[in-house]
Structure formats: C-alpha cells, structure tokens
Amino acid sequence: MKEDYEKSLDRALEIIPKAVSEKERFQIPEAETNVTGNRTTIKNFKAIVNALNREPEHLIKYLLRELGVAGNMDGNQAVFQGKFSKAAVDDRIKRYVDEFVLCRECGGPDTKLVRKDRVHILRCEACGARTAVRSV
C-alpha cells in the first residue's frame, strides 16, 4: 500500500504547475549608494520602487522623514542632503517594506496601497486582507 501512495504522490507532483510548487522569495533590492561631499545618492532608486510596486513619491517621502533630511528625486535616482551609509539606507528601506508593502496576514508582497478618505489601507491581492497603515 505504501508503494501505491508514493506512486500517486509522484504523479500528483508532476501534474502541479511549477509556478505553484516553486514559490519565489521576495527580494528587496539593495540600494546602490554614493556619498559625494555632503550628499548621498541612491543610484537605483527607480529599480527599488519598481520592485516594491509603489509610487516613488511615497518611498522618498518616507525616507526623507526617517533620515530627517532634505532631498529630492533626480531622474532615476534619489539625492539626500547628508552622509548616510549603505546599511542605514537599506535598513530604512527594509522598514518601509515591513510597514507598507508586506501583507500582515499572509506575508506576501502582492499588496496595493489605497487611500480611502483620509486613511491609507494596505490591501493584499493574494489573500484579500485589508490593514490600515499610518500616513507618511
């Protein structure tokens, strides 16, 4: 009977689509920082925003608040007034992902940030969960 079970299990695993059985792990892109004088530049800011599926204005507003500095977007990069290590910038981006990207219920990154009246809601496309998040 054990052999029949193992054959059935092998056959079932062959039928399951690869996309379902091989779940990709969500990767947060590392910031490519460059410190020049008293300015820190994130060269791959657009790539980070695209990977997180968020508006660039939202992420830069969060980073400016968390770092406590002035700055702006310059094309595909973000420029901050001040010297910051790569680790400090990566840490702030990870905090942003934990708070504004990952679903609180299933932990998936397939979320949308929706504003309803004056409340921001994190809506998960995978499990349907809705969670209120603070505004930036």
N, C-alpha and C. Protein backbone atom coordinates (compact mmCIF):
# COMPACT_ATOMS: atom_id res chain seq x y z
N MET A 1 0.82 -1.19 0.00
CA MET A 1 0.00 0.00 0.00
C MET A 1 0.87 1.26 0.00
N LYS A 2 2.03 1.20 0.66
CA LYS A 2 2.93 2.35 0.72
C LYS A 2 3.44 2.69 -0.68
N GLU A 3 3.68 1.68 -1.50
CA GLU A 3 4.16 1.91 -2.86
C GLU A 3 3.10 2.61 -3.71
N ASP A 4 1.85 2.24 -3.56
CA ASP A 4 0.77 2.89 -4.29
C ASP A 4 0.67 4.36 -3.92
N TYR A 5 0.82 4.63 -2.61
CA TYR A 5 0.77 6.02 -2.13
C TYR A 5 1.92 6.83 -2.73
N GLU A 6 3.12 6.28 -2.72
CA GLU A 6 4.29 7.00 -3.25
C GLU A 6 4.15 7.25 -4.75
N LYS A 7 3.62 6.28 -5.49
CA LYS A 7 3.41 6.47 -6.93
C LYS A 7 2.37 7.56 -7.17
N SER A 8 1.30 7.54 -6.40
CA SER A 8 0.26 8.57 -6.53
C SER A 8 0.82 9.95 -6.19
N LEU A 9 1.65 10.01 -5.17
CA LEU A 9 2.24 11.28 -4.78
C LEU A 9 3.18 11.81 -5.86
N ASP A 10 4.00 10.95 -6.43
CA ASP A 10 4.89 11.36 -7.52
C ASP A 10 4.11 11.84 -8.73
N ARG A 11 3.04 11.14 -9.06
CA ARG A 11 2.21 11.54 -10.19
C ARG A 11 1.55 12.90 -9.93
N ALA A 12 1.09 13.13 -8.70
CA ALA A 12 0.46 14.41 -8.35
C ALA A 12 1.47 15.55 -8.43
N LEU A 13 2.69 15.32 -7.98
CA LEU A 13 3.73 16.35 -8.04
C LEU A 13 4.10 16.70 -9.47
N GLU A 14 4.02 15.73 -10.37
CA GLU A 14 4.30 16.00 -11.79
C GLU A 14 3.21 16.86 -12.41
N ILE A 15 1.99 16.70 -11.95
CA ILE A 15 0.85 17.43 -12.52
C ILE A 15 0.82 18.88 -12.05
N ILE A 16 1.28 19.15 -10.82
CA ILE A 16 1.23 20.51 -10.26
C ILE A 16 2.11 21.44 -11.10
N PRO A 17 1.59 22.60 -11.50
CA PRO A 17 2.41 23.55 -12.26
C PRO A 17 3.62 24.01 -11.45
N LYS A 18 4.72 24.26 -12.15
CA LYS A 18 5.96 24.68 -11.49
C LYS A 18 5.78 26.00 -10.73
N ALA A 19 4.95 26.89 -11.25
CA ALA A 19 4.76 28.19 -10.60
C ALA A 19 4.15 28.03 -9.20
N VAL A 20 3.36 27.01 -9.00
CA VAL A 20 2.73 26.80 -7.70
C VAL A 20 3.70 26.12 -6.74
N SER A 21 4.44 25.14 -7.23
CA SER A 21 5.32 24.39 -6.33
C SER A 21 6.62 25.12 -6.02
N GLU A 22 7.08 25.99 -6.89
CA GLU A 22 8.31 26.73 -6.65
C GLU A 22 7.97 28.19 -6.38
N LYS A 23 7.80 28.51 -5.14
CA LYS A 23 7.43 29.87 -4.76
C LYS A 23 8.69 30.72 -4.66
N GLU A 24 8.72 31.82 -5.43
CA GLU A 24 9.87 32.71 -5.37
C GLU A 24 9.84 33.49 -4.07
N ARG A 25 11.01 33.72 -3.55
CA ARG A 25 11.13 34.52 -2.34
C ARG A 25 11.25 35.97 -2.75
N PHE A 26 10.53 36.84 -2.07
CA PHE A 26 10.55 38.27 -2.36
C PHE A 26 11.90 38.84 -1.96
N GLN A 27 12.57 39.49 -2.90
CA GLN A 27 13.88 40.07 -2.65
C GLN A 27 13.79 41.59 -2.69
N ILE A 28 14.27 42.23 -1.65
CA ILE A 28 14.34 43.68 -1.62
C ILE A 28 15.67 44.07 -2.26
N PRO A 29 15.64 44.87 -3.33
CA PRO A 29 16.91 45.27 -3.96
C PRO A 29 17.75 46.10 -3.00
N GLU A 30 19.05 45.85 -3.01
CA GLU A 30 19.95 46.64 -2.18
C GLU A 30 20.18 47.99 -2.83
N ALA A 31 20.27 49.01 -2.01
CA ALA A 31 20.49 50.36 -2.51
C ALA A 31 21.94 50.52 -2.97
N GLU A 32 22.10 51.11 -4.14
CA GLU A 32 23.45 51.44 -4.63
C GLU A 32 23.69 52.90 -4.27
N THR A 33 24.37 53.10 -3.15
CA THR A 33 24.57 54.45 -2.65
C THR A 33 25.92 55.00 -3.07
N ASN A 34 25.96 56.32 -3.17
CA ASN A 34 27.20 57.02 -3.50
C ASN A 34 27.22 58.30 -2.66
N VAL A 35 28.25 58.45 -1.82
CA VAL A 35 28.39 59.64 -1.00
C VAL A 35 29.40 60.56 -1.66
N THR A 36 28.93 61.77 -2.00
CA THR A 36 29.79 62.77 -2.62
C THR A 36 29.65 64.05 -1.80
N GLY A 37 30.72 64.43 -1.13
CA GLY A 37 30.66 65.62 -0.29
C GLY A 37 29.66 65.40 0.83
N ASN A 38 28.65 66.25 0.88
CA ASN A 38 27.63 66.15 1.91
C ASN A 38 26.30 65.63 1.34
N ARG A 39 26.37 64.88 0.25
CA ARG A 39 25.16 64.32 -0.38
C ARG A 39 25.29 62.82 -0.55
N THR A 40 24.17 62.17 -0.34
CA THR A 40 24.09 60.72 -0.57
C THR A 40 23.11 60.49 -1.70
N THR A 41 23.52 59.70 -2.67
CA THR A 41 22.69 59.41 -3.83
C THR A 41 22.37 57.92 -3.87
N ILE A 42 21.10 57.59 -4.09
CA ILE A 42 20.70 56.20 -4.35
C ILE A 42 20.54 56.09 -5.85
N LYS A 43 21.49 55.40 -6.49
CA LYS A 43 21.51 55.32 -7.96
C LYS A 43 20.36 54.50 -8.52
N ASN A 44 19.99 53.43 -7.84
CA ASN A 44 18.96 52.53 -8.37
C ASN A 44 17.60 52.75 -7.70
N PHE A 45 17.27 53.99 -7.40
CA PHE A 45 16.02 54.30 -6.71
C PHE A 45 14.80 53.83 -7.51
N LYS A 46 14.77 54.07 -8.81
CA LYS A 46 13.64 53.66 -9.65
C LYS A 46 13.48 52.14 -9.65
N ALA A 47 14.60 51.42 -9.68
CA ALA A 47 14.53 49.96 -9.68
C ALA A 47 13.96 49.45 -8.36
N ILE A 48 14.31 50.10 -7.26
CA ILE A 48 13.78 49.71 -5.95
C ILE A 48 12.28 49.96 -5.92
N VAL A 49 11.86 51.14 -6.39
CA VAL A 49 10.43 51.48 -6.40
C VAL A 49 9.65 50.50 -7.27
N ASN A 50 10.19 50.14 -8.41
CA ASN A 50 9.51 49.19 -9.30
C ASN A 50 9.41 47.81 -8.67
N ALA A 51 10.46 47.37 -7.97
CA ALA A 51 10.43 46.06 -7.32
C ALA A 51 9.41 46.03 -6.19
N LEU A 52 9.25 47.16 -5.50
CA LEU A 52 8.30 47.23 -4.39
C LEU A 52 6.88 47.51 -4.86
N ASN A 53 6.73 47.92 -6.12
CA ASN A 53 5.43 48.24 -6.70
C ASN A 53 4.73 49.37 -5.93
N ARG A 54 5.48 50.44 -5.71
CA ARG A 54 4.97 51.61 -5.00
C ARG A 54 5.30 52.87 -5.80
N GLU A 55 4.62 53.96 -5.45
CA GLU A 55 4.88 55.25 -6.08
C GLU A 55 6.21 55.80 -5.55
N PRO A 56 7.04 56.36 -6.43
CA PRO A 56 8.33 56.90 -5.96
C PRO A 56 8.16 58.02 -4.94
N GLU A 57 7.11 58.81 -5.08
CA GLU A 57 6.89 59.92 -4.15
C GLU A 57 6.66 59.41 -2.73
N HIS A 58 5.96 58.29 -2.61
CA HIS A 58 5.67 57.74 -1.29
C HIS A 58 6.94 57.25 -0.61
N LEU A 59 7.77 56.51 -1.34
CA LEU A 59 9.01 55.98 -0.76
C LEU A 59 9.98 57.10 -0.40
N ILE A 60 10.13 58.09 -1.29
CA ILE A 60 11.09 59.15 -0.98
C ILE A 60 10.61 59.99 0.20
N LYS A 61 9.31 60.20 0.29
CA LYS A 61 8.77 60.96 1.43
C LYS A 61 9.06 60.22 2.73
N TYR A 62 8.90 58.89 2.72
CA TYR A 62 9.19 58.08 3.89
C TYR A 62 10.67 58.17 4.25
N LEU A 63 11.54 58.01 3.25
CA LEU A 63 12.98 58.04 3.51
C LEU A 63 13.43 59.40 4.04
N LEU A 64 12.90 60.47 3.47
CA LEU A 64 13.27 61.80 3.93
C LEU A 64 12.86 62.00 5.38
N ARG A 65 11.68 61.51 5.73
CA ARG A 65 11.23 61.63 7.12
C ARG A 65 12.05 60.78 8.07
N GLU A 66 12.33 59.56 7.67
CA GLU A 66 13.08 58.65 8.54
C GLU A 66 14.52 59.11 8.73
N LEU A 67 15.13 59.62 7.67
CA LEU A 67 16.51 60.09 7.77
C LEU A 67 16.60 61.50 8.34
N GLY A 68 15.50 62.23 8.32
CA GLY A 68 15.47 63.57 8.88
C GLY A 68 16.26 64.58 8.09
N VAL A 69 16.19 64.47 6.76
CA VAL A 69 16.96 65.38 5.90
C VAL A 69 16.10 65.88 4.75
N ALA A 70 16.66 66.82 4.01
CA ALA A 70 16.03 67.30 2.77
C ALA A 70 16.59 66.48 1.62
N GLY A 71 15.84 66.43 0.54
CA GLY A 71 16.30 65.70 -0.63
C GLY A 71 15.25 65.75 -1.72
N ASN A 72 15.56 65.09 -2.83
CA ASN A 72 14.64 65.07 -3.96
C ASN A 72 14.98 63.92 -4.89
N MET A 73 14.12 63.74 -5.89
CA MET A 73 14.38 62.75 -6.93
C MET A 73 15.01 63.45 -8.11
N ASP A 74 16.02 62.82 -8.69
CA ASP A 74 16.71 63.37 -9.84
C ASP A 74 16.77 62.28 -10.90
N GLY A 75 15.75 62.23 -11.76
CA GLY A 75 15.70 61.18 -12.78
C GLY A 75 15.41 59.83 -12.13
N ASN A 76 16.32 58.87 -12.32
CA ASN A 76 16.16 57.53 -11.77
C ASN A 76 16.78 57.37 -10.40
N GLN A 77 17.30 58.45 -9.84
CA GLN A 77 17.97 58.34 -8.55
C GLN A 77 17.39 59.31 -7.54
N ALA A 78 17.70 59.07 -6.28
CA ALA A 78 17.26 59.94 -5.19
C ALA A 78 18.49 60.57 -4.56
N VAL A 79 18.40 61.85 -4.23
CA VAL A 79 19.52 62.59 -3.65
C VAL A 79 19.10 63.10 -2.28
N PHE A 80 19.94 62.83 -1.27
CA PHE A 80 19.68 63.26 0.10
C PHE A 80 20.79 64.18 0.57
N GLN A 81 20.44 65.20 1.32
CA GLN A 81 21.41 66.12 1.90
C GLN A 81 21.93 65.48 3.18
N GLY A 82 23.13 64.98 3.15
CA GLY A 82 23.73 64.34 4.32
C GLY A 82 24.46 63.08 3.92
N LYS A 83 25.31 62.62 4.81
CA LYS A 83 26.10 61.40 4.57
C LYS A 83 25.45 60.23 5.28
N PHE A 84 25.09 59.20 4.52
CA PHE A 84 24.46 58.01 5.08
C PHE A 84 25.13 56.77 4.52
N SER A 85 25.33 55.80 5.37
CA SER A 85 25.94 54.55 4.93
C SER A 85 24.91 53.73 4.15
N LYS A 86 25.41 52.80 3.38
CA LYS A 86 24.55 51.91 2.61
C LYS A 86 23.67 51.11 3.56
N ALA A 87 24.24 50.69 4.69
CA ALA A 87 23.48 49.90 5.68
C ALA A 87 22.33 50.71 6.25
N ALA A 88 22.55 52.00 6.51
CA ALA A 88 21.48 52.84 7.07
C ALA A 88 20.33 52.98 6.07
N VAL A 89 20.66 53.18 4.80
CA VAL A 89 19.63 53.32 3.77
C VAL A 89 18.89 52.00 3.57
N ASP A 90 19.63 50.90 3.50
CA ASP A 90 19.00 49.59 3.34
C ASP A 90 18.08 49.26 4.51
N ASP A 91 18.49 49.65 5.72
CA ASP A 91 17.66 49.41 6.90
C ASP A 91 16.34 50.17 6.82
N ARG A 92 16.39 51.42 6.37
CA ARG A 92 15.16 52.22 6.24
C ARG A 92 14.25 51.65 5.17
N ILE A 93 14.83 51.16 4.07
CA ILE A 93 14.03 50.56 3.00
C ILE A 93 13.37 49.28 3.51
N LYS A 94 14.10 48.48 4.29
CA LYS A 94 13.53 47.26 4.86
C LYS A 94 12.36 47.60 5.80
N ARG A 95 12.51 48.64 6.60
CA ARG A 95 11.43 49.07 7.49
C ARG A 95 10.21 49.49 6.67
N TYR A 96 10.45 50.19 5.56
CA TYR A 96 9.36 50.61 4.67
C TYR A 96 8.62 49.39 4.14
N VAL A 97 9.37 48.39 3.70
CA VAL A 97 8.76 47.17 3.16
C VAL A 97 7.93 46.48 4.23
N ASP A 98 8.47 46.38 5.44
CA ASP A 98 7.73 45.73 6.53
C ASP A 98 6.43 46.46 6.84
N GLU A 99 6.45 47.78 6.76
CA GLU A 99 5.28 48.56 7.15
C GLU A 99 4.28 48.80 6.02
N PHE A 100 4.79 49.04 4.78
CA PHE A 100 3.92 49.48 3.69
C PHE A 100 3.83 48.53 2.50
N VAL A 101 4.53 47.40 2.52
CA VAL A 101 4.50 46.50 1.36
C VAL A 101 4.01 45.11 1.73
N LEU A 102 4.57 44.49 2.74
CA LEU A 102 4.22 43.11 3.07
C LEU A 102 2.88 43.03 3.78
N CYS A 103 2.09 42.02 3.38
CA CYS A 103 0.78 41.78 3.98
C CYS A 103 0.94 41.31 5.42
N ARG A 104 0.11 41.82 6.32
CA ARG A 104 0.19 41.45 7.74
C ARG A 104 -0.34 40.02 7.96
N GLU A 105 -1.22 39.56 7.08
CA GLU A 105 -1.83 38.24 7.27
C GLU A 105 -1.01 37.11 6.65
N CYS A 106 -0.71 37.23 5.34
CA CYS A 106 -0.03 36.13 4.65
C CYS A 106 1.45 36.39 4.43
N GLY A 107 1.90 37.64 4.64
CA GLY A 107 3.32 37.96 4.47
C GLY A 107 3.75 38.16 3.03
N GLY A 108 2.81 38.14 2.12
CA GLY A 108 3.13 38.29 0.70
C GLY A 108 3.34 39.74 0.29
N PRO A 109 4.11 39.98 -0.77
CA PRO A 109 4.37 41.34 -1.24
C PRO A 109 3.34 41.84 -2.25
N ASP A 110 2.32 41.05 -2.55
CA ASP A 110 1.34 41.41 -3.57
C ASP A 110 0.26 42.32 -2.98
N THR A 111 0.64 43.54 -2.63
CA THR A 111 -0.28 44.46 -1.97
C THR A 111 -0.39 45.76 -2.76
N LYS A 112 -1.46 46.46 -2.50
CA LYS A 112 -1.68 47.79 -3.06
C LYS A 112 -1.92 48.74 -1.91
N LEU A 113 -1.39 49.94 -2.03
CA LEU A 113 -1.62 50.97 -1.03
C LEU A 113 -2.76 51.85 -1.54
N VAL A 114 -3.89 51.82 -0.85
CA VAL A 114 -5.09 52.52 -1.29
C VAL A 114 -5.43 53.58 -0.25
N ARG A 115 -5.80 54.76 -0.73
CA ARG A 115 -6.22 55.81 0.19
C ARG A 115 -7.74 55.91 0.14
N LYS A 116 -8.36 55.74 1.28
CA LYS A 116 -9.82 55.82 1.38
C LYS A 116 -10.12 56.91 2.40
N ASP A 117 -10.74 57.97 1.92
CA ASP A 117 -10.96 59.18 2.72
C ASP A 117 -9.59 59.70 3.19
N ARG A 118 -9.34 59.69 4.50
CA ARG A 118 -8.04 60.16 4.99
C ARG A 118 -7.22 59.02 5.57
N VAL A 119 -7.59 57.78 5.26
CA VAL A 119 -6.92 56.61 5.81
C VAL A 119 -6.24 55.85 4.68
N HIS A 120 -4.99 55.45 4.91
CA HIS A 120 -4.28 54.61 3.95
C HIS A 120 -4.53 53.15 4.33
N ILE A 121 -4.88 52.35 3.35
CA ILE A 121 -5.18 50.94 3.58
C ILE A 121 -4.27 50.08 2.71
N LEU A 122 -3.67 49.08 3.34
CA LEU A 122 -2.84 48.12 2.63
C LEU A 122 -3.73 46.94 2.28
N ARG A 123 -4.00 46.77 0.97
CA ARG A 123 -4.90 45.72 0.51
C ARG A 123 -4.09 44.62 -0.18
N CYS A 124 -4.22 43.40 0.30
CA CYS A 124 -3.47 42.27 -0.26
C CYS A 124 -4.24 41.69 -1.44
N GLU A 125 -3.55 41.56 -2.56
CA GLU A 125 -4.16 40.98 -3.76
C GLU A 125 -4.21 39.46 -3.67
N ALA A 126 -3.36 38.86 -2.83
CA ALA A 126 -3.31 37.40 -2.73
C ALA A 126 -4.38 36.84 -1.81
N CYS A 127 -4.48 37.39 -0.58
CA CYS A 127 -5.41 36.81 0.39
C CYS A 127 -6.63 37.69 0.66
N GLY A 128 -6.61 38.93 0.17
CA GLY A 128 -7.75 39.82 0.35
C GLY A 128 -7.78 40.59 1.65
N ALA A 129 -6.76 40.46 2.47
CA ALA A 129 -6.72 41.15 3.76
C ALA A 129 -6.59 42.66 3.55
N ARG A 130 -7.16 43.40 4.49
CA ARG A 130 -7.06 44.87 4.46
C ARG A 130 -6.59 45.32 5.84
N THR A 131 -5.57 46.19 5.83
CA THR A 131 -5.00 46.69 7.06
C THR A 131 -4.77 48.17 6.95
N ALA A 132 -5.16 48.92 7.95
CA ALA A 132 -4.90 50.35 7.96
C ALA A 132 -3.43 50.57 8.31
N VAL A 133 -2.79 51.50 7.57
CA VAL A 133 -1.40 51.86 7.85
C VAL A 133 -1.33 53.37 8.08
N ARG A 134 -0.30 53.79 8.76
CA ARG A 134 -0.16 55.21 9.05
C ARG A 134 0.19 55.97 7.77
N SER A 135 -0.12 57.24 7.75
CA SER A 135 0.27 58.05 6.60
C SER A 135 1.70 58.52 6.80
N VAL A 136 2.35 58.81 5.71
CA VAL A 136 3.75 59.23 5.77
C VAL A 136 3.81 60.72 5.94
